[in-house]
Every structure is written in C-alpha cells, then in structure tokens.
Amino acid sequence: MPARGRFLVLEGIDGCGKTTQIEALRRWLPASGLMPAGAELVVTREPGGTELGRALRELLLHPPGDAAPGTTAELLLYAADRAQHVEQRIAPALAAGHWVLSDRFTGSTAAYQGHGRGHSLALIAQLAEIACGGLQPDLTVLLELPLAESLRRRGHRAADRIEAAGEAFLQRVCAGFSALAAQQGWQRVDACLAPEAVTAALQDHIRACCRRDG
C-alpha cells in the first residue's frame, strides 16, 4: 500500500487570494521535490468538489427564486457537501498516496455558520465528525485579510448569497477565522502582502509540515 498522501487546506474570507495561491501551488508542488514519485496533486474546493457538491454550491450561493435555504438548512447542506467530498474524492485520493489541496474545509463552516450565523460550534464539530469520519488536514493555512480590504478587492463584483449577508456578518466571520486559527493551531499568512510573498510563505509552511511529519 502507498503511504497516505498529504491533505492541505487554505482558509480565509472572500478576496484573501485563495484562488490565486491555489493556482500557484498547483504549479509548484508537483515540481517541488516534496511529493513522492507517482503521487498526483488533487486540487478541489468546498462547496463543489463533487458532482453533488456542484449542485449544492448553486443552491447555497446562487439559489433560484425562493429556493434560498434557511440557516439550519444551509448548515446541513454544507455538511452534506463535505460528506460526499470526503467519501468520494478526498479520502480515496489520500489512500492512494496522492496529495489533496482544498480551497476551504471544516474551518469555513465554523467561521461562517458558527461565528457568522450563530450556530453552536459544538454542533458544527459533531457534523464535521460525521462528515469526515475523523479525517483532519495535515496543514491548514489561514490567509488573513481585514474585512475592509476584502470589500475593496471585491469592488463592484456581484455578491453571492453568503457575501450579501452584510458587513456585520462578515466581520463576525473574520473574527471567527482568527479565533479558530489560534485555537486549532493553524498557520497564518498576511494576505495583504504581495502575491509572490504570500506564495513564498505558503511554500515555507508546506516544507515545514513535511519536515515535521517526516
């Protein structure tokens, strides 16, 4: 059996640069010398990492007409997306020795639906345990960005349903991410830095993770 692959996650509010940095890591990791021979890099996201997840993503972020979920339904839909994601994509890839790089994971649910919407963090942790079956990332990095800069970067781009929840909600989410990073030992990178500096910091954290875990 191949050695289990590594599971890397980027977290942060919209506008923090996750998409840019995941693309940079997509190019760098396979040639970095860190991944064993034969290992592939699986790049994915939540919600939307599976066929079911893509349908759920539309319902969550761009629901048609009166189909917008209530806050409890929203929480459960994210859990359903994650359960399918872990079972169908993440766990099989890791078991085959591949590496997985995900745009968001359980931390986003705790930040948005917990700190943002006010759902019980204990309940969210229980749902994560059910959905993930104990699976944890090897490395989670928070790209930290002040809300004001997030809003500036977003500019006049149309907001999805979550982004449109208002600045007070988004400020709670920002504070939630910071609290989660401190509580759970995530690494942090200042997302206000130039993109190249953010990429270099991420590379350093991944190298350190590999050294630490052997």
N, C-alpha and C. Protein backbone atom coordinates (compact mmCIF):
# COMPACT_ATOMS: atom_id res chain seq x y z
N MET A 1 0.85 -1.19 0.00
CA MET A 1 0.00 0.00 0.00
C MET A 1 0.88 1.24 0.00
N PRO A 2 0.53 2.28 -0.79
CA PRO A 2 1.31 3.52 -0.75
C PRO A 2 1.11 4.23 0.57
N ALA A 3 2.09 5.07 0.92
CA ALA A 3 1.92 5.91 2.12
C ALA A 3 0.78 6.88 1.89
N ARG A 4 0.05 7.20 2.98
CA ARG A 4 -1.05 8.15 2.85
C ARG A 4 -0.53 9.48 2.34
N GLY A 5 -1.29 10.08 1.44
CA GLY A 5 -0.92 11.39 0.93
C GLY A 5 -1.15 12.48 1.94
N ARG A 6 -0.80 13.69 1.59
CA ARG A 6 -0.97 14.83 2.49
C ARG A 6 -2.19 15.64 2.07
N PHE A 7 -2.82 16.22 3.08
CA PHE A 7 -4.05 16.98 2.89
C PHE A 7 -3.80 18.41 3.34
N LEU A 8 -3.82 19.35 2.39
CA LEU A 8 -3.51 20.75 2.63
C LEU A 8 -4.75 21.59 2.37
N VAL A 9 -5.02 22.56 3.25
CA VAL A 9 -6.23 23.38 3.15
C VAL A 9 -5.87 24.85 3.29
N LEU A 10 -6.46 25.68 2.43
CA LEU A 10 -6.37 27.13 2.57
C LEU A 10 -7.73 27.66 3.01
N GLU A 11 -7.73 28.52 4.03
CA GLU A 11 -8.94 29.13 4.55
C GLU A 11 -8.82 30.64 4.49
N GLY A 12 -9.96 31.32 4.57
CA GLY A 12 -9.96 32.78 4.61
C GLY A 12 -11.22 33.35 4.00
N ILE A 13 -11.45 34.64 4.25
CA ILE A 13 -12.63 35.30 3.71
C ILE A 13 -12.46 35.53 2.21
N ASP A 14 -13.56 35.81 1.55
CA ASP A 14 -13.52 36.09 0.12
C ASP A 14 -12.63 37.30 -0.15
N GLY A 15 -11.81 37.18 -1.19
CA GLY A 15 -10.90 38.26 -1.52
C GLY A 15 -9.51 38.10 -0.95
N CYS A 16 -9.30 37.05 -0.13
CA CYS A 16 -7.99 36.89 0.52
C CYS A 16 -6.94 36.30 -0.42
N GLY A 17 -7.34 35.86 -1.61
CA GLY A 17 -6.36 35.38 -2.59
C GLY A 17 -6.23 33.87 -2.66
N LYS A 18 -7.19 33.13 -2.11
CA LYS A 18 -7.07 31.67 -2.13
C LYS A 18 -6.97 31.13 -3.55
N THR A 19 -7.79 31.65 -4.45
CA THR A 19 -7.78 31.14 -5.83
C THR A 19 -6.41 31.35 -6.47
N THR A 20 -5.84 32.55 -6.29
CA THR A 20 -4.52 32.85 -6.86
C THR A 20 -3.46 31.94 -6.26
N GLN A 21 -3.51 31.75 -4.95
CA GLN A 21 -2.47 30.96 -4.28
C GLN A 21 -2.62 29.46 -4.58
N ILE A 22 -3.83 28.98 -4.71
CA ILE A 22 -4.01 27.57 -5.06
C ILE A 22 -3.47 27.31 -6.46
N GLU A 23 -3.66 28.24 -7.36
CA GLU A 23 -3.11 28.07 -8.71
C GLU A 23 -1.58 28.07 -8.66
N ALA A 24 -0.99 28.95 -7.83
CA ALA A 24 0.47 28.97 -7.69
C ALA A 24 0.98 27.66 -7.11
N LEU A 25 0.29 27.13 -6.11
CA LEU A 25 0.70 25.86 -5.51
C LEU A 25 0.47 24.69 -6.46
N ARG A 26 -0.55 24.79 -7.28
CA ARG A 26 -0.80 23.75 -8.28
C ARG A 26 0.39 23.61 -9.22
N ARG A 27 1.00 24.73 -9.56
CA ARG A 27 2.17 24.70 -10.45
C ARG A 27 3.43 24.27 -9.71
N TRP A 28 3.56 24.70 -8.45
CA TRP A 28 4.81 24.49 -7.71
C TRP A 28 4.93 23.10 -7.10
N LEU A 29 3.90 22.60 -6.48
CA LEU A 29 4.02 21.38 -5.70
C LEU A 29 4.53 20.17 -6.49
N PRO A 30 3.99 19.88 -7.68
CA PRO A 30 4.46 18.68 -8.37
C PRO A 30 5.95 18.70 -8.70
N ALA A 31 6.54 19.90 -8.82
CA ALA A 31 7.96 20.01 -9.15
C ALA A 31 8.81 20.37 -7.93
N SER A 32 8.20 20.40 -6.75
CA SER A 32 8.90 20.88 -5.55
C SER A 32 9.86 19.86 -4.95
N GLY A 33 9.71 18.60 -5.32
CA GLY A 33 10.51 17.54 -4.71
C GLY A 33 9.93 17.04 -3.40
N LEU A 34 8.82 17.61 -2.95
CA LEU A 34 8.19 17.20 -1.70
C LEU A 34 7.27 16.00 -1.89
N MET A 35 6.63 15.91 -3.04
CA MET A 35 5.69 14.82 -3.30
C MET A 35 6.45 13.58 -3.76
N PRO A 36 6.10 12.41 -3.25
CA PRO A 36 6.80 11.19 -3.67
C PRO A 36 6.51 10.86 -5.13
N ALA A 37 7.39 10.07 -5.71
CA ALA A 37 7.22 9.66 -7.11
C ALA A 37 5.89 8.95 -7.27
N GLY A 38 5.18 9.31 -8.32
CA GLY A 38 3.89 8.68 -8.60
C GLY A 38 2.71 9.36 -7.96
N ALA A 39 2.95 10.25 -7.00
CA ALA A 39 1.84 10.95 -6.34
C ALA A 39 1.32 12.06 -7.25
N GLU A 40 0.02 12.21 -7.28
CA GLU A 40 -0.62 13.27 -8.04
C GLU A 40 -1.15 14.34 -7.08
N LEU A 41 -1.35 15.55 -7.60
CA LEU A 41 -1.92 16.63 -6.82
C LEU A 41 -3.38 16.79 -7.22
N VAL A 42 -4.29 16.59 -6.27
CA VAL A 42 -5.72 16.76 -6.48
C VAL A 42 -6.11 18.11 -5.91
N VAL A 43 -6.57 19.01 -6.77
CA VAL A 43 -6.98 20.35 -6.35
C VAL A 43 -8.50 20.41 -6.34
N THR A 44 -9.07 20.84 -5.22
CA THR A 44 -10.52 20.78 -5.08
C THR A 44 -11.01 21.95 -4.24
N ARG A 45 -12.31 21.99 -3.96
CA ARG A 45 -12.87 23.11 -3.21
C ARG A 45 -14.15 22.69 -2.51
N GLU A 46 -14.53 23.50 -1.52
CA GLU A 46 -15.82 23.34 -0.85
C GLU A 46 -16.53 24.69 -0.81
N PRO A 47 -17.84 24.65 -1.08
CA PRO A 47 -18.59 23.53 -1.63
C PRO A 47 -18.28 23.35 -3.11
N GLY A 48 -18.55 22.15 -3.63
CA GLY A 48 -18.45 21.95 -5.07
C GLY A 48 -17.37 21.02 -5.55
N GLY A 49 -16.81 20.18 -4.69
CA GLY A 49 -15.73 19.30 -5.11
C GLY A 49 -16.18 18.01 -5.77
N THR A 50 -17.49 17.79 -5.84
CA THR A 50 -18.04 16.59 -6.49
C THR A 50 -19.22 17.01 -7.36
N GLU A 51 -19.79 16.07 -8.09
CA GLU A 51 -20.97 16.39 -8.89
C GLU A 51 -22.12 16.84 -8.00
N LEU A 52 -22.36 16.10 -6.92
CA LEU A 52 -23.39 16.52 -5.96
C LEU A 52 -23.03 17.88 -5.37
N GLY A 53 -21.76 18.06 -5.04
CA GLY A 53 -21.32 19.32 -4.45
C GLY A 53 -21.54 20.51 -5.36
N ARG A 54 -21.38 20.32 -6.67
CA ARG A 54 -21.60 21.43 -7.59
C ARG A 54 -23.07 21.86 -7.60
N ALA A 55 -23.96 20.89 -7.51
CA ALA A 55 -25.38 21.23 -7.44
C ALA A 55 -25.69 21.94 -6.11
N LEU A 56 -25.10 21.45 -5.01
CA LEU A 56 -25.31 22.08 -3.72
C LEU A 56 -24.72 23.49 -3.69
N ARG A 57 -23.58 23.68 -4.36
CA ARG A 57 -22.95 25.01 -4.40
C ARG A 57 -23.90 26.03 -5.01
N GLU A 58 -24.56 25.66 -6.08
CA GLU A 58 -25.51 26.59 -6.72
C GLU A 58 -26.66 26.91 -5.78
N LEU A 59 -27.18 25.90 -5.07
CA LEU A 59 -28.27 26.15 -4.14
C LEU A 59 -27.83 27.03 -2.98
N LEU A 60 -26.59 26.86 -2.53
CA LEU A 60 -26.09 27.62 -1.40
C LEU A 60 -25.73 29.06 -1.76
N LEU A 61 -25.09 29.24 -2.91
CA LEU A 61 -24.55 30.55 -3.26
C LEU A 61 -25.41 31.34 -4.24
N HIS A 62 -26.10 30.62 -5.14
CA HIS A 62 -26.89 31.31 -6.18
C HIS A 62 -28.25 30.63 -6.33
N PRO A 63 -29.05 30.54 -5.26
CA PRO A 63 -30.32 29.83 -5.35
C PRO A 63 -31.32 30.56 -6.24
N PRO A 64 -32.07 29.81 -7.03
CA PRO A 64 -33.07 30.45 -7.89
C PRO A 64 -34.32 30.82 -7.11
N GLY A 65 -34.91 31.94 -7.45
CA GLY A 65 -36.20 32.31 -6.89
C GLY A 65 -36.24 32.28 -5.38
N ASP A 66 -37.21 31.51 -4.85
CA ASP A 66 -37.40 31.41 -3.41
C ASP A 66 -36.72 30.18 -2.82
N ALA A 67 -35.70 29.65 -3.50
CA ALA A 67 -35.07 28.41 -3.07
C ALA A 67 -33.94 28.60 -2.06
N ALA A 68 -33.71 29.84 -1.60
CA ALA A 68 -32.62 30.08 -0.65
C ALA A 68 -32.85 29.30 0.63
N PRO A 69 -31.84 28.54 1.09
CA PRO A 69 -32.02 27.77 2.33
C PRO A 69 -32.02 28.66 3.56
N GLY A 70 -32.75 28.24 4.59
CA GLY A 70 -32.65 28.89 5.88
C GLY A 70 -31.32 28.55 6.52
N THR A 71 -31.03 29.15 7.67
CA THR A 71 -29.70 28.98 8.24
C THR A 71 -29.42 27.54 8.69
N THR A 72 -30.45 26.85 9.19
CA THR A 72 -30.23 25.44 9.58
C THR A 72 -30.04 24.57 8.36
N ALA A 73 -30.89 24.77 7.35
CA ALA A 73 -30.73 24.01 6.11
C ALA A 73 -29.37 24.30 5.47
N GLU A 74 -28.93 25.55 5.53
CA GLU A 74 -27.62 25.92 5.00
C GLU A 74 -26.52 25.12 5.67
N LEU A 75 -26.54 25.05 6.99
CA LEU A 75 -25.54 24.30 7.74
C LEU A 75 -25.53 22.83 7.32
N LEU A 76 -26.71 22.24 7.19
CA LEU A 76 -26.80 20.82 6.85
C LEU A 76 -26.40 20.56 5.40
N LEU A 77 -26.67 21.51 4.51
CA LEU A 77 -26.23 21.35 3.12
C LEU A 77 -24.71 21.38 3.02
N TYR A 78 -24.07 22.26 3.78
CA TYR A 78 -22.61 22.25 3.79
C TYR A 78 -22.06 20.93 4.33
N ALA A 79 -22.72 20.38 5.35
CA ALA A 79 -22.29 19.09 5.89
C ALA A 79 -22.46 17.98 4.85
N ALA A 80 -23.57 18.03 4.10
CA ALA A 80 -23.80 17.02 3.06
C ALA A 80 -22.75 17.13 1.96
N ASP A 81 -22.44 18.35 1.55
CA ASP A 81 -21.39 18.56 0.56
C ASP A 81 -20.08 17.96 1.04
N ARG A 82 -19.75 18.20 2.31
CA ARG A 82 -18.47 17.72 2.85
C ARG A 82 -18.44 16.19 2.95
N ALA A 83 -19.53 15.59 3.38
CA ALA A 83 -19.57 14.14 3.48
C ALA A 83 -19.32 13.49 2.13
N GLN A 84 -19.96 14.01 1.09
CA GLN A 84 -19.75 13.48 -0.25
C GLN A 84 -18.33 13.73 -0.73
N HIS A 85 -17.82 14.90 -0.41
CA HIS A 85 -16.48 15.30 -0.83
C HIS A 85 -15.42 14.37 -0.23
N VAL A 86 -15.54 14.13 1.08
CA VAL A 86 -14.57 13.26 1.76
C VAL A 86 -14.67 11.84 1.23
N GLU A 87 -15.90 11.32 1.15
CA GLU A 87 -16.08 9.92 0.76
C GLU A 87 -15.69 9.67 -0.69
N GLN A 88 -16.05 10.60 -1.57
CA GLN A 88 -15.89 10.34 -2.99
C GLN A 88 -14.57 10.83 -3.56
N ARG A 89 -13.99 11.85 -2.95
CA ARG A 89 -12.80 12.43 -3.56
C ARG A 89 -11.58 12.50 -2.65
N ILE A 90 -11.73 13.08 -1.46
CA ILE A 90 -10.54 13.32 -0.62
C ILE A 90 -9.96 12.03 -0.08
N ALA A 91 -10.78 11.24 0.61
CA ALA A 91 -10.27 10.03 1.25
C ALA A 91 -9.68 9.04 0.24
N PRO A 92 -10.32 8.78 -0.90
CA PRO A 92 -9.70 7.87 -1.87
C PRO A 92 -8.37 8.38 -2.40
N ALA A 93 -8.27 9.68 -2.64
CA ALA A 93 -7.01 10.24 -3.14
C ALA A 93 -5.90 10.07 -2.12
N LEU A 94 -6.18 10.37 -0.86
CA LEU A 94 -5.16 10.24 0.19
C LEU A 94 -4.75 8.78 0.37
N ALA A 95 -5.73 7.88 0.32
CA ALA A 95 -5.43 6.45 0.49
C ALA A 95 -4.54 5.93 -0.64
N ALA A 96 -4.67 6.53 -1.83
CA ALA A 96 -3.85 6.13 -2.97
C ALA A 96 -2.47 6.78 -2.96
N GLY A 97 -2.20 7.60 -1.94
CA GLY A 97 -0.89 8.24 -1.83
C GLY A 97 -0.80 9.59 -2.49
N HIS A 98 -1.94 10.09 -3.02
CA HIS A 98 -1.93 11.40 -3.67
C HIS A 98 -2.05 12.52 -2.64
N TRP A 99 -1.71 13.72 -3.05
CA TRP A 99 -1.85 14.91 -2.20
C TRP A 99 -3.13 15.64 -2.60
N VAL A 100 -3.80 16.22 -1.61
CA VAL A 100 -5.04 16.96 -1.85
C VAL A 100 -4.85 18.39 -1.36
N LEU A 101 -5.19 19.35 -2.21
CA LEU A 101 -5.13 20.77 -1.89
C LEU A 101 -6.54 21.32 -2.03
N SER A 102 -7.13 21.77 -0.92
CA SER A 102 -8.53 22.19 -0.94
C SER A 102 -8.69 23.66 -0.59
N ASP A 103 -9.53 24.32 -1.37
CA ASP A 103 -10.00 25.68 -1.09
C ASP A 103 -11.18 25.55 -0.14
N ARG A 104 -10.93 25.70 1.16
CA ARG A 104 -11.89 25.60 2.26
C ARG A 104 -12.09 24.16 2.70
N PHE A 105 -12.39 24.04 4.02
CA PHE A 105 -12.77 22.76 4.61
C PHE A 105 -13.59 23.06 5.87
N THR A 106 -13.44 22.30 6.92
CA THR A 106 -14.30 22.45 8.09
C THR A 106 -14.20 23.82 8.75
N GLY A 107 -13.04 24.46 8.64
CA GLY A 107 -12.87 25.77 9.26
C GLY A 107 -13.83 26.81 8.74
N SER A 108 -14.15 26.74 7.45
CA SER A 108 -15.07 27.72 6.88
C SER A 108 -16.46 27.57 7.46
N THR A 109 -16.90 26.34 7.69
CA THR A 109 -18.22 26.15 8.30
C THR A 109 -18.25 26.71 9.71
N ALA A 110 -17.19 26.47 10.48
CA ALA A 110 -17.13 27.02 11.83
C ALA A 110 -17.12 28.55 11.81
N ALA A 111 -16.43 29.14 10.83
CA ALA A 111 -16.35 30.59 10.76
C ALA A 111 -17.65 31.21 10.27
N TYR A 112 -18.19 30.69 9.18
CA TYR A 112 -19.37 31.30 8.56
C TYR A 112 -20.67 30.91 9.27
N GLN A 113 -20.88 29.61 9.45
CA GLN A 113 -22.14 29.17 10.05
C GLN A 113 -22.10 29.21 11.58
N GLY A 114 -20.91 29.07 12.17
CA GLY A 114 -20.76 29.16 13.61
C GLY A 114 -20.65 30.60 14.07
N HIS A 115 -19.50 31.20 13.86
CA HIS A 115 -19.29 32.58 14.32
C HIS A 115 -20.19 33.56 13.57
N GLY A 116 -20.40 33.33 12.28
CA GLY A 116 -21.21 34.26 11.49
C GLY A 116 -22.69 34.14 11.74
N ARG A 117 -23.24 32.92 11.59
CA ARG A 117 -24.69 32.71 11.72
C ARG A 117 -25.12 32.47 13.16
N GLY A 118 -24.19 32.06 14.02
CA GLY A 118 -24.54 31.85 15.41
C GLY A 118 -24.90 30.42 15.77
N HIS A 119 -24.64 29.46 14.88
CA HIS A 119 -24.88 28.06 15.21
C HIS A 119 -23.87 27.57 16.24
N SER A 120 -24.25 26.58 17.00
CA SER A 120 -23.39 26.00 18.02
C SER A 120 -22.12 25.43 17.40
N LEU A 121 -20.96 25.86 17.92
CA LEU A 121 -19.70 25.31 17.43
C LEU A 121 -19.57 23.84 17.80
N ALA A 122 -20.17 23.44 18.92
CA ALA A 122 -20.14 22.02 19.29
C ALA A 122 -20.94 21.19 18.30
N LEU A 123 -22.10 21.70 17.87
CA LEU A 123 -22.89 21.00 16.86
C LEU A 123 -22.14 20.93 15.54
N ILE A 124 -21.49 22.01 15.16
CA ILE A 124 -20.72 22.03 13.91
C ILE A 124 -19.60 21.00 13.97
N ALA A 125 -18.94 20.89 15.13
CA ALA A 125 -17.88 19.89 15.29
C ALA A 125 -18.44 18.47 15.17
N GLN A 126 -19.65 18.24 15.71
CA GLN A 126 -20.27 16.92 15.59
C GLN A 126 -20.58 16.60 14.13
N LEU A 127 -21.12 17.57 13.41
CA LEU A 127 -21.41 17.36 11.99
C LEU A 127 -20.14 17.10 11.20
N ALA A 128 -19.06 17.80 11.55
CA ALA A 128 -17.78 17.58 10.87
C ALA A 128 -17.27 16.17 11.13
N GLU A 129 -17.44 15.69 12.34
CA GLU A 129 -17.01 14.33 12.67
C GLU A 129 -17.79 13.31 11.86
N ILE A 130 -19.09 13.53 11.72
CA ILE A 130 -19.91 12.62 10.92
C ILE A 130 -19.48 12.67 9.46
N ALA A 131 -19.32 13.88 8.94
CA ALA A 131 -18.99 14.05 7.52
C ALA A 131 -17.59 13.56 7.18
N CYS A 132 -16.65 13.77 8.10
CA CYS A 132 -15.24 13.50 7.79
C CYS A 132 -14.75 12.17 8.33
N GLY A 133 -15.48 11.57 9.25
CA GLY A 133 -15.03 10.30 9.82
C GLY A 133 -13.67 10.40 10.49
N GLY A 134 -13.37 11.55 11.08
CA GLY A 134 -12.09 11.73 11.75
C GLY A 134 -10.98 12.28 10.88
N LEU A 135 -11.22 12.44 9.59
CA LEU A 135 -10.18 12.97 8.70
C LEU A 135 -9.86 14.41 9.06
N GLN A 136 -8.57 14.71 9.20
CA GLN A 136 -8.10 16.07 9.50
C GLN A 136 -7.04 16.48 8.49
N PRO A 137 -6.98 17.75 8.13
CA PRO A 137 -5.89 18.21 7.25
C PRO A 137 -4.53 18.06 7.93
N ASP A 138 -3.50 17.81 7.14
CA ASP A 138 -2.13 17.84 7.66
C ASP A 138 -1.68 19.27 7.90
N LEU A 139 -2.22 20.19 7.13
CA LEU A 139 -1.85 21.60 7.26
C LEU A 139 -3.03 22.45 6.85
N THR A 140 -3.40 23.39 7.72
CA THR A 140 -4.39 24.41 7.38
C THR A 140 -3.73 25.76 7.51
N VAL A 141 -3.84 26.58 6.47
CA VAL A 141 -3.26 27.92 6.48
C VAL A 141 -4.38 28.94 6.30
N LEU A 142 -4.44 29.90 7.20
CA LEU A 142 -5.38 31.00 7.10
C LEU A 142 -4.72 32.17 6.40
N LEU A 143 -5.29 32.60 5.29
CA LEU A 143 -4.84 33.82 4.63
C LEU A 143 -5.61 34.97 5.26
N GLU A 144 -4.94 35.70 6.14
CA GLU A 144 -5.61 36.73 6.94
C GLU A 144 -5.71 38.04 6.18
N LEU A 145 -6.92 38.59 6.15
CA LEU A 145 -7.17 39.83 5.43
C LEU A 145 -8.22 40.63 6.18
N PRO A 146 -7.98 41.91 6.45
CA PRO A 146 -9.01 42.74 7.08
C PRO A 146 -10.25 42.82 6.20
N LEU A 147 -11.41 42.94 6.83
CA LEU A 147 -12.65 42.99 6.06
C LEU A 147 -12.66 44.16 5.09
N ALA A 148 -12.15 45.31 5.52
CA ALA A 148 -12.15 46.49 4.64
C ALA A 148 -11.39 46.21 3.34
N GLU A 149 -10.28 45.49 3.44
CA GLU A 149 -9.52 45.16 2.24
C GLU A 149 -10.26 44.12 1.40
N SER A 150 -10.93 43.19 2.06
CA SER A 150 -11.74 42.22 1.32
C SER A 150 -12.81 42.92 0.50
N LEU A 151 -13.50 43.88 1.11
CA LEU A 151 -14.55 44.61 0.40
C LEU A 151 -13.97 45.45 -0.73
N ARG A 152 -12.80 46.04 -0.49
CA ARG A 152 -12.16 46.85 -1.55
C ARG A 152 -11.81 45.98 -2.74
N ARG A 153 -11.24 44.79 -2.46
CA ARG A 153 -10.85 43.90 -3.55
C ARG A 153 -12.06 43.39 -4.33
N ARG A 154 -13.15 43.19 -3.61
CA ARG A 154 -14.34 42.68 -4.29
C ARG A 154 -14.93 43.73 -5.22
N GLY A 155 -14.77 45.02 -4.85
CA GLY A 155 -15.21 46.12 -5.70
C GLY A 155 -16.68 46.02 -6.03
N HIS A 156 -16.98 46.12 -7.32
CA HIS A 156 -18.37 46.10 -7.77
C HIS A 156 -18.80 44.71 -8.25
N ARG A 157 -17.97 43.71 -7.97
CA ARG A 157 -18.37 42.35 -8.37
C ARG A 157 -19.64 41.95 -7.62
N ALA A 158 -20.55 41.29 -8.33
CA ALA A 158 -21.81 40.89 -7.72
C ALA A 158 -21.55 39.92 -6.56
N ALA A 159 -22.22 40.14 -5.45
CA ALA A 159 -22.04 39.31 -4.27
C ALA A 159 -22.89 38.04 -4.39
N ASP A 160 -22.33 36.90 -3.91
CA ASP A 160 -23.16 35.71 -3.81
C ASP A 160 -24.02 35.82 -2.55
N ARG A 161 -24.84 34.80 -2.27
CA ARG A 161 -25.79 34.89 -1.16
C ARG A 161 -25.08 35.05 0.18
N ILE A 162 -23.92 34.39 0.36
CA ILE A 162 -23.19 34.49 1.63
C ILE A 162 -22.54 35.86 1.75
N GLU A 163 -21.91 36.33 0.69
CA GLU A 163 -21.25 37.65 0.73
C GLU A 163 -22.25 38.77 0.97
N ALA A 164 -23.51 38.55 0.52
CA ALA A 164 -24.53 39.59 0.62
C ALA A 164 -25.17 39.65 2.00
N ALA A 165 -24.69 38.87 2.95
CA ALA A 165 -25.30 38.83 4.28
C ALA A 165 -24.99 40.07 5.11
N GLY A 166 -24.10 40.93 4.64
CA GLY A 166 -23.87 42.20 5.33
C GLY A 166 -22.52 42.27 6.03
N GLU A 167 -22.07 43.50 6.29
CA GLU A 167 -20.74 43.69 6.86
C GLU A 167 -20.65 43.20 8.30
N ALA A 168 -21.70 43.32 9.07
CA ALA A 168 -21.65 42.84 10.45
C ALA A 168 -21.44 41.33 10.48
N PHE A 169 -22.14 40.63 9.60
CA PHE A 169 -21.96 39.18 9.48
C PHE A 169 -20.53 38.85 9.08
N LEU A 170 -20.01 39.54 8.06
CA LEU A 170 -18.67 39.26 7.57
C LEU A 170 -17.60 39.60 8.60
N GLN A 171 -17.85 40.62 9.42
CA GLN A 171 -16.90 40.95 10.47
C GLN A 171 -16.85 39.84 11.52
N ARG A 172 -18.00 39.24 11.82
CA ARG A 172 -18.02 38.10 12.75
C ARG A 172 -17.26 36.92 12.16
N VAL A 173 -17.40 36.74 10.86
CA VAL A 173 -16.67 35.65 10.18
C VAL A 173 -15.16 35.88 10.28
N CYS A 174 -14.72 37.11 10.03
CA CYS A 174 -13.29 37.43 10.13
C CYS A 174 -12.76 37.15 11.53
N ALA A 175 -13.51 37.60 12.54
CA ALA A 175 -13.09 37.36 13.92
C ALA A 175 -13.09 35.87 14.22
N GLY A 176 -14.06 35.16 13.64
CA GLY A 176 -14.14 33.72 13.84
C GLY A 176 -12.94 33.00 13.26
N PHE A 177 -12.52 33.38 12.08
CA PHE A 177 -11.34 32.75 11.49
C PHE A 177 -10.11 32.96 12.37
N SER A 178 -9.94 34.17 12.90
CA SER A 178 -8.78 34.45 13.77
C SER A 178 -8.83 33.60 15.03
N ALA A 179 -10.02 33.48 15.62
CA ALA A 179 -10.16 32.67 16.82
C ALA A 179 -9.88 31.20 16.53
N LEU A 180 -10.39 30.70 15.43
CA LEU A 180 -10.18 29.30 15.07
C LEU A 180 -8.70 29.01 14.82
N ALA A 181 -8.03 29.94 14.15
CA ALA A 181 -6.60 29.74 13.87
C ALA A 181 -5.81 29.62 15.17
N ALA A 182 -6.16 30.46 16.15
CA ALA A 182 -5.47 30.42 17.43
C ALA A 182 -5.78 29.13 18.20
N GLN A 183 -7.04 28.73 18.17
CA GLN A 183 -7.47 27.55 18.93
C GLN A 183 -6.96 26.25 18.32
N GLN A 184 -6.92 26.18 17.01
CA GLN A 184 -6.64 24.92 16.34
C GLN A 184 -5.23 24.81 15.79
N GLY A 185 -4.40 25.81 16.03
CA GLY A 185 -3.01 25.72 15.62
C GLY A 185 -2.77 25.85 14.13
N TRP A 186 -3.66 26.56 13.44
CA TRP A 186 -3.44 26.79 12.02
C TRP A 186 -2.23 27.73 11.85
N GLN A 187 -1.61 27.63 10.68
CA GLN A 187 -0.61 28.62 10.29
C GLN A 187 -1.33 29.84 9.71
N ARG A 188 -0.68 30.98 9.81
CA ARG A 188 -1.28 32.23 9.31
C ARG A 188 -0.33 32.91 8.34
N VAL A 189 -0.91 33.50 7.32
CA VAL A 189 -0.13 34.29 6.37
C VAL A 189 -0.88 35.60 6.13
N ASP A 190 -0.15 36.70 6.15
CA ASP A 190 -0.73 38.02 5.91
C ASP A 190 -1.07 38.14 4.42
N ALA A 191 -2.36 38.13 4.12
CA ALA A 191 -2.80 38.17 2.72
C ALA A 191 -2.72 39.57 2.13
N CYS A 192 -2.31 40.57 2.93
CA CYS A 192 -2.09 41.91 2.38
C CYS A 192 -0.74 42.02 1.67
N LEU A 193 0.12 41.04 1.89
CA LEU A 193 1.42 41.05 1.22
C LEU A 193 1.26 40.87 -0.28
N ALA A 194 2.32 41.15 -1.03
CA ALA A 194 2.31 40.90 -2.47
C ALA A 194 2.06 39.42 -2.72
N PRO A 195 1.37 39.06 -3.80
CA PRO A 195 1.07 37.66 -4.06
C PRO A 195 2.30 36.75 -4.03
N GLU A 196 3.44 37.25 -4.54
CA GLU A 196 4.64 36.43 -4.56
C GLU A 196 5.13 36.14 -3.14
N ALA A 197 4.99 37.11 -2.24
CA ALA A 197 5.40 36.91 -0.85
C ALA A 197 4.47 35.93 -0.15
N VAL A 198 3.18 36.00 -0.45
CA VAL A 198 2.23 35.05 0.12
C VAL A 198 2.57 33.64 -0.35
N THR A 199 2.86 33.49 -1.64
CA THR A 199 3.22 32.18 -2.18
C THR A 199 4.46 31.63 -1.48
N ALA A 200 5.47 32.48 -1.30
CA ALA A 200 6.71 32.03 -0.64
C ALA A 200 6.43 31.58 0.79
N ALA A 201 5.57 32.31 1.50
CA ALA A 201 5.23 31.93 2.87
C ALA A 201 4.49 30.59 2.89
N LEU A 202 3.59 30.39 1.96
CA LEU A 202 2.88 29.11 1.89
C LEU A 202 3.84 27.96 1.61
N GLN A 203 4.77 28.19 0.70
CA GLN A 203 5.76 27.16 0.41
C GLN A 203 6.57 26.81 1.66
N ASP A 204 6.94 27.82 2.44
CA ASP A 204 7.69 27.57 3.67
C ASP A 204 6.87 26.74 4.65
N HIS A 205 5.59 27.04 4.78
CA HIS A 205 4.74 26.29 5.71
C HIS A 205 4.58 24.83 5.25
N ILE A 206 4.49 24.62 3.95
CA ILE A 206 4.36 23.25 3.45
C ILE A 206 5.65 22.48 3.67
N ARG A 207 6.78 23.11 3.42
CA ARG A 207 8.07 22.44 3.68
C ARG A 207 8.19 22.08 5.17
N ALA A 208 7.81 23.02 6.03
CA ALA A 208 7.90 22.77 7.46
C ALA A 208 6.98 21.63 7.88
N CYS A 209 5.80 21.56 7.29
CA CYS A 209 4.88 20.46 7.57
C CYS A 209 5.48 19.13 7.18
N CYS A 210 6.14 19.09 6.03
CA CYS A 210 6.77 17.84 5.57
C CYS A 210 7.92 17.44 6.49
N ARG A 211 8.70 18.41 6.93
CA ARG A 211 9.80 18.09 7.85
C ARG A 211 9.26 17.59 9.18
N ARG A 212 8.22 18.23 9.67
CA ARG A 212 7.68 17.88 10.98
C ARG A 212 7.08 16.47 10.97
N ASP A 213 6.38 16.13 9.90
CA ASP A 213 5.68 14.84 9.86
C ASP A 213 6.53 13.72 9.27
N GLY A 214 7.69 14.08 8.77
CA GLY A 214 8.61 13.06 8.28
C GLY A 214 8.37 12.63 6.89
